[in-house]
Amino acid sequence: MTVRGLHRVIVSVAELGRALALYRDALGLTEKYRAGEIVALAIPGAPTEVLLHERPPGLPGSH
């Protein structure tokens, strides 16, 4: 089986506001919508959606 693309990627972040600034301002993604604790971003010219989700305080991150 070969991966041909990604439709959606979910990223758990420590601080949603800071992560949003990075993905939007530095990487050029555009905000599509918000749903509760999740912000959906679009990659211009690509079908992939990036969802940012703030993890609850006290939970360890993966990096």
PDB file of N, CA and C in Angstrom:
ATOM      1  N   MET A   1       0.846  -1.177   0.000  1.00  0.00           N
ATOM      2  CA  MET A   1       0.000   0.000   0.000  1.00  0.00           C
ATOM      3  C   MET A   1       0.896   1.246   0.000  1.00  0.00           C
ATOM      4  N   THR A   2       0.521   2.236  -0.771  1.00  0.00           N
ATOM      5  CA  THR A   2       1.267   3.478  -0.881  1.00  0.00           C
ATOM      6  C   THR A   2       0.418   4.633  -0.381  1.00  0.00           C
ATOM      7  N   VAL A   3       1.003   5.479   0.454  1.00  0.00           N
ATOM      8  CA  VAL A   3       0.313   6.689   0.905  1.00  0.00           C
ATOM      9  C   VAL A   3       0.366   7.688  -0.240  1.00  0.00           C
ATOM     10  N   ARG A   4      -0.803   8.212  -0.606  1.00  0.00           N
ATOM     11  CA  ARG A   4      -0.873   9.144  -1.732  1.00  0.00           C
ATOM     12  C   ARG A   4      -1.157  10.564  -1.286  1.00  0.00           C
ATOM     13  N   GLY A   5      -1.423  10.735   0.000  1.00  0.00           N
ATOM     14  CA  GLY A   5      -1.685  12.070   0.517  1.00  0.00           C
ATOM     15  C   GLY A   5      -2.298  11.993   1.900  1.00  0.00           C
ATOM     16  N   LEU A   6      -2.480  13.134   2.493  1.00  0.00           N
ATOM     17  CA  LEU A   6      -3.115  13.232   3.803  1.00  0.00           C
ATOM     18  C   LEU A   6      -4.284  14.193   3.706  1.00  0.00           C
ATOM     19  N   HIS A   7      -5.396  13.811   4.310  1.00  0.00           N
ATOM     20  CA  HIS A   7      -6.563  14.687   4.320  1.00  0.00           C
ATOM     21  C   HIS A   7      -6.541  15.591   5.544  1.00  0.00           C
ATOM     22  N   ARG A   8      -6.161  15.028   6.683  1.00  0.00           N
ATOM     23  CA  ARG A   8      -6.223  15.778   7.933  1.00  0.00           C
ATOM     24  C   ARG A   8      -5.095  15.343   8.860  1.00  0.00           C
ATOM     25  N   VAL A   9      -4.492  16.339   9.517  1.00  0.00           N
ATOM     26  CA  VAL A   9      -3.449  16.098  10.504  1.00  0.00           C
ATOM     27  C   VAL A   9      -3.867  16.820  11.777  1.00  0.00           C
ATOM     28  N   ILE A  10      -3.811  16.127  12.913  1.00  0.00           N
ATOM     29  CA  ILE A  10      -4.163  16.736  14.193  1.00  0.00           C
ATOM     30  C   ILE A  10      -2.884  16.916  15.002  1.00  0.00           C
ATOM     31  N   VAL A  11      -2.669  18.149  15.472  1.00  0.00           N
ATOM     32  CA  VAL A  11      -1.472  18.466  16.243  1.00  0.00           C
ATOM     33  C   VAL A  11      -1.904  18.927  17.628  1.00  0.00           C
ATOM     34  N   SER A  12      -1.440  18.230  18.653  1.00  0.00           N
ATOM     35  CA  SER A  12      -1.716  18.601  20.039  1.00  0.00           C
ATOM     36  C   SER A  12      -0.636  19.572  20.488  1.00  0.00           C
ATOM     37  N   VAL A  13      -1.042  20.750  20.969  1.00  0.00           N
ATOM     38  CA  VAL A  13      -0.083  21.806  21.313  1.00  0.00           C
ATOM     39  C   VAL A  13      -0.251  22.237  22.766  1.00  0.00           C
ATOM     40  N   ALA A  14       0.810  22.813  23.326  1.00  0.00           N
ATOM     41  CA  ALA A  14       0.770  23.283  24.710  1.00  0.00           C
ATOM     42  C   ALA A  14      -0.013  24.589  24.832  1.00  0.00           C
ATOM     43  N   GLU A  15       0.172  25.503  23.869  1.00  0.00           N
ATOM     44  CA  GLU A  15      -0.503  26.803  23.897  1.00  0.00           C
ATOM     45  C   GLU A  15      -1.093  27.083  22.519  1.00  0.00           C
ATOM     46  N   LEU A  16      -2.400  27.050  22.437  1.00  0.00           N
ATOM     47  CA  LEU A  16      -3.085  27.197  21.151  1.00  0.00           C
ATOM     48  C   LEU A  16      -2.767  28.527  20.477  1.00  0.00           C
ATOM     49  N   GLY A  17      -2.772  29.610  21.228  1.00  0.00           N
ATOM     50  CA  GLY A  17      -2.508  30.926  20.649  1.00  0.00           C
ATOM     51  C   GLY A  17      -1.133  31.032  20.011  1.00  0.00           C
ATOM     52  N   ARG A  18      -0.127  30.532  20.701  1.00  0.00           N
ATOM     53  CA  ARG A  18       1.237  30.575  20.163  1.00  0.00           C
ATOM     54  C   ARG A  18       1.380  29.670  18.949  1.00  0.00           C
ATOM     55  N   ALA A  19       0.781  28.497  19.019  1.00  0.00           N
ATOM     56  CA  ALA A  19       0.855  27.570  17.885  1.00  0.00           C
ATOM     57  C   ALA A  19       0.138  28.151  16.669  1.00  0.00           C
ATOM     58  N   LEU A  20      -1.019  28.761  16.897  1.00  0.00           N
ATOM     59  CA  LEU A  20      -1.769  29.370  15.796  1.00  0.00           C
ATOM     60  C   LEU A  20      -0.936  30.458  15.124  1.00  0.00           C
ATOM     61  N   ALA A  21      -0.273  31.280  15.926  1.00  0.00           N
ATOM     62  CA  ALA A  21       0.574  32.332  15.363  1.00  0.00           C
ATOM     63  C   ALA A  21       1.684  31.736  14.497  1.00  0.00           C
ATOM     64  N   LEU A  22       2.292  30.659  14.954  1.00  0.00           N
ATOM     65  CA  LEU A  22       3.355  30.017  14.178  1.00  0.00           C
ATOM     66  C   LEU A  22       2.828  29.479  12.854  1.00  0.00           C
ATOM     67  N   TYR A  23       1.771  28.684  12.907  1.00  0.00           N
ATOM     68  CA  TYR A  23       1.247  28.048  11.693  1.00  0.00           C
ATOM     69  C   TYR A  23       0.671  29.077  10.719  1.00  0.00           C
ATOM     70  N   ARG A  24       0.027  30.116  11.249  1.00  0.00           N
ATOM     71  CA  ARG A  24      -0.601  31.120  10.392  1.00  0.00           C
ATOM     72  C   ARG A  24       0.418  32.143   9.896  1.00  0.00           C
ATOM     73  N   ASP A  25       1.123  32.768  10.831  1.00  0.00           N
ATOM     74  CA  ASP A  25       1.982  33.897  10.472  1.00  0.00           C
ATOM     75  C   ASP A  25       3.320  33.467   9.866  1.00  0.00           C
ATOM     76  N   ALA A  26       3.936  32.434  10.408  1.00  0.00           N
ATOM     77  CA  ALA A  26       5.254  32.016   9.922  1.00  0.00           C
ATOM     78  C   ALA A  26       5.168  31.020   8.769  1.00  0.00           C
ATOM     79  N   LEU A  27       4.170  30.125   8.812  1.00  0.00           N
ATOM     80  CA  LEU A  27       4.081  29.073   7.797  1.00  0.00           C
ATOM     81  C   LEU A  27       3.050  29.358   6.704  1.00  0.00           C
ATOM     82  N   GLY A  28       2.211  30.387   6.891  1.00  0.00           N
ATOM     83  CA  GLY A  28       1.294  30.801   5.843  1.00  0.00           C
ATOM     84  C   GLY A  28      -0.012  30.036   5.731  1.00  0.00           C
ATOM     85  N   LEU A  29      -0.362  29.236   6.744  1.00  0.00           N
ATOM     86  CA  LEU A  29      -1.646  28.531   6.707  1.00  0.00           C
ATOM     87  C   LEU A  29      -2.770  29.520   7.012  1.00  0.00           C
ATOM     88  N   THR A  30      -3.969  29.219   6.539  1.00  0.00           N
ATOM     89  CA  THR A  30      -5.108  30.106   6.767  1.00  0.00           C
ATOM     90  C   THR A  30      -6.150  29.414   7.640  1.00  0.00           C
ATOM     91  N   GLU A  31      -6.779  30.199   8.502  1.00  0.00           N
ATOM     92  CA  GLU A  31      -7.792  29.641   9.404  1.00  0.00           C
ATOM     93  C   GLU A  31      -9.078  29.355   8.634  1.00  0.00           C
ATOM     94  N   LYS A  32      -9.594  28.128   8.787  1.00  0.00           N
ATOM     95  CA  LYS A  32     -10.842  27.726   8.137  1.00  0.00           C
ATOM     96  C   LYS A  32     -12.021  27.865   9.083  1.00  0.00           C
ATOM     97  N   TYR A  33     -11.880  27.317  10.295  1.00  0.00           N
ATOM     98  CA  TYR A  33     -12.964  27.384  11.278  1.00  0.00           C
ATOM     99  C   TYR A  33     -12.443  27.026  12.656  1.00  0.00           C
ATOM    100  N   ARG A  34     -13.270  27.304  13.656  1.00  0.00           N
ATOM    101  CA  ARG A  34     -12.991  26.919  15.040  1.00  0.00           C
ATOM    102  C   ARG A  34     -14.165  26.100  15.533  1.00  0.00           C
ATOM    103  N   ALA A  35     -13.844  25.077  16.304  1.00  0.00           N
ATOM    104  CA  ALA A  35     -14.875  24.221  16.902  1.00  0.00           C
ATOM    105  C   ALA A  35     -14.426  23.903  18.323  1.00  0.00           C
ATOM    106  N   GLY A  36     -14.920  24.676  19.268  1.00  0.00           N
ATOM    107  CA  GLY A  36     -14.516  24.475  20.654  1.00  0.00           C
ATOM    108  C   GLY A  36     -13.039  24.751  20.836  1.00  0.00           C
ATOM    109  N   GLU A  37     -12.291  23.746  21.268  1.00  0.00           N
ATOM    110  CA  GLU A  37     -10.859  23.870  21.542  1.00  0.00           C
ATOM    111  C   GLU A  37      -9.991  23.586  20.313  1.00  0.00           C
ATOM    112  N   ILE A  38     -10.604  23.462  19.152  1.00  0.00           N
ATOM    113  CA  ILE A  38      -9.865  23.096  17.938  1.00  0.00           C
ATOM    114  C   ILE A  38      -9.919  24.236  16.922  1.00  0.00           C
ATOM    115  N   VAL A  39      -8.773  24.512  16.305  1.00  0.00           N
ATOM    116  CA  VAL A  39      -8.707  25.465  15.199  1.00  0.00           C
ATOM    117  C   VAL A  39      -8.270  24.687  13.965  1.00  0.00           C
ATOM    118  N   ALA A  40      -9.045  24.794  12.891  1.00  0.00           N
ATOM    119  CA  ALA A  40      -8.718  24.121  11.635  1.00  0.00           C
ATOM    120  C   ALA A  40      -8.030  25.114  10.707  1.00  0.00           C
ATOM    121  N   LEU A  41      -6.928  24.668  10.130  1.00  0.00           N
ATOM    122  CA  LEU A  41      -6.150  25.501   9.223  1.00  0.00           C
ATOM    123  C   LEU A  41      -6.048  24.835   7.860  1.00  0.00           C
ATOM    124  N   ALA A  42      -5.984  25.662   6.832  1.00  0.00           N
ATOM    125  CA  ALA A  42      -5.827  25.163   5.468  1.00  0.00           C
ATOM    126  C   ALA A  42      -4.423  25.490   4.974  1.00  0.00           C
ATOM    127  N   ILE A  43      -3.877  24.569   4.207  1.00  0.00           N
ATOM    128  CA  ILE A  43      -2.604  24.800   3.535  1.00  0.00           C
ATOM    129  C   ILE A  43      -2.957  25.311   2.138  1.00  0.00           C
ATOM    130  N   PRO A  44      -2.604  26.559   1.810  1.00  0.00           N
ATOM    131  CA  PRO A  44      -2.968  27.101   0.506  1.00  0.00           C
ATOM    132  C   PRO A  44      -2.521  26.191  -0.644  1.00  0.00           C
ATOM    133  N   GLY A  45      -3.462  25.868  -1.516  1.00  0.00           N
ATOM    134  CA  GLY A  45      -3.166  25.052  -2.682  1.00  0.00           C
ATOM    135  C   GLY A  45      -3.111  23.558  -2.431  1.00  0.00           C
ATOM    136  N   ALA A  46      -3.440  23.135  -1.212  1.00  0.00           N
ATOM    137  CA  ALA A  46      -3.394  21.703  -0.881  1.00  0.00           C
ATOM    138  C   ALA A  46      -4.695  21.297  -0.194  1.00  0.00           C
ATOM    139  N   PRO A  47      -5.108  20.051  -0.351  1.00  0.00           N
ATOM    140  CA  PRO A  47      -6.350  19.597   0.275  1.00  0.00           C
ATOM    141  C   PRO A  47      -6.193  19.232   1.755  1.00  0.00           C
ATOM    142  N   THR A  48      -4.969  19.243   2.267  1.00  0.00           N
ATOM    143  CA  THR A  48      -4.720  18.813   3.643  1.00  0.00           C
ATOM    144  C   THR A  48      -5.171  19.872   4.639  1.00  0.00           C
ATOM    145  N   GLU A  49      -5.843  19.421   5.686  1.00  0.00           N
ATOM    146  CA  GLU A  49      -6.316  20.278   6.763  1.00  0.00           C
ATOM    147  C   GLU A  49      -5.479  19.983   8.007  1.00  0.00           C
ATOM    148  N   VAL A  50      -5.037  21.037   8.692  1.00  0.00           N
ATOM    149  CA  VAL A  50      -4.274  20.884   9.930  1.00  0.00           C
ATOM    150  C   VAL A  50      -5.157  21.346  11.077  1.00  0.00           C
ATOM    151  N   LEU A  51      -5.389  20.463  12.043  1.00  0.00           N
ATOM    152  CA  LEU A  51      -6.187  20.805  13.213  1.00  0.00           C
ATOM    153  C   LEU A  51      -5.257  20.998  14.396  1.00  0.00           C
ATOM    154  N   LEU A  52      -5.351  22.155  15.045  1.00  0.00           N
ATOM    155  CA  LEU A  52      -4.585  22.414  16.256  1.00  0.00           C
ATOM    156  C   LEU A  52      -5.503  22.209  17.445  1.00  0.00           C
ATOM    157  N   HIS A  53      -5.033  21.456  18.419  1.00  0.00           N
ATOM    158  CA  HIS A  53      -5.815  21.156  19.618  1.00  0.00           C
ATOM    159  C   HIS A  53      -4.938  21.399  20.833  1.00  0.00           C
ATOM    160  N   GLU A  54      -5.410  22.223  21.770  1.00  0.00           N
ATOM    161  CA  GLU A  54      -4.633  22.482  22.982  1.00  0.00           C
ATOM    162  C   GLU A  54      -4.822  21.346  23.967  1.00  0.00           C
ATOM    163  N   ARG A  55      -3.708  20.708  24.340  1.00  0.00           N
ATOM    164  CA  ARG A  55      -3.801  19.608  25.295  1.00  0.00           C
ATOM    165  C   ARG A  55      -4.015  20.186  26.696  1.00  0.00           C
ATOM    166  N   PRO A  56      -4.697  19.457  27.556  1.00  0.00           N
ATOM    167  CA  PRO A  56      -4.948  19.933  28.917  1.00  0.00           C
ATOM    168  C   PRO A  56      -3.638  20.171  29.671  1.00  0.00           C
ATOM    169  N   PRO A  57      -3.605  21.179  30.538  1.00  0.00           N
ATOM    170  CA  PRO A  57      -2.399  21.447  31.328  1.00  0.00           C
ATOM    171  C   PRO A  57      -1.988  20.219  32.141  1.00  0.00           C
ATOM    172  N   GLY A  58      -0.687  20.032  32.267  1.00  0.00           N
ATOM    173  CA  GLY A  58      -0.183  18.923  33.065  1.00  0.00           C
ATOM    174  C   GLY A  58       0.088  17.651  32.293  1.00  0.00           C
ATOM    175  N   LEU A  59      -0.460  17.528  31.091  1.00  0.00           N
ATOM    176  CA  LEU A  59      -0.178  16.344  30.282  1.00  0.00           C
ATOM    177  C   LEU A  59       1.148  16.543  29.561  1.00  0.00           C
ATOM    178  N   PRO A  60       1.988  15.524  29.551  1.00  0.00           N
ATOM    179  CA  PRO A  60       3.272  15.679  28.865  1.00  0.00           C
ATOM    180  C   PRO A  60       3.095  15.720  27.353  1.00  0.00           C
ATOM    181  N   GLY A  61       4.001  16.424  26.696  1.00  0.00           N
ATOM    182  CA  GLY A  61       4.003  16.456  25.238  1.00  0.00           C
ATOM    183  C   GLY A  61       4.904  15.376  24.698  1.00  0.00           C
ATOM    184  N   SER A  62       4.898  15.213  23.404  1.00  0.00           N
ATOM    185  CA  SER A  62       5.743  14.189  22.810  1.00  0.00           C
ATOM    186  C   SER A  62       7.125  14.726  22.462  1.00  0.00           C
ATOM    187  N   HIS A  63       7.316  16.071  22.504  1.00  0.00           N
ATOM    188  CA  HIS A  63       8.641  16.617  22.290  1.00  0.00           C
ATOM    189  C   HIS A  63       8.846  17.795  23.209  1.00  0.00           C
TER     190      HIS A  63
END
